[in-house]
């Protein structure tokens, strides 16, 4: 593969990664509960959770990133986050992640 093509592909992928807004789901190994959030920098935000820098999850560590979705606009990611936090949205999420949650011993309610 020509070097210029590799550089072009790297730059395009890097550029694309910075254009997305993410909804993500963390699983607490401590209290066996889910945390749903949204961000435009998934790696940074998950790292903040893991380091205990996020007040809402610092006491719930260790955490596992078990799911995420990408969107082109912040509005779409916020709408999806709010949906997943609703009763029907949580039920959908639990159906999607049933095998993963069973692996971690999640208590379905």
Foldseek 3Di string as FASTA:
>chain_A
DDPVVVVVVVVVVVVVLQQKKKWWWKAQLQPRDIDIDIGSHVVVVVVCLCVLVDPVRNVRDDIDTDDMDIDRDPVVNVVLSVQCVDPVNVVVVCVVCVVVSVVSVHDDD
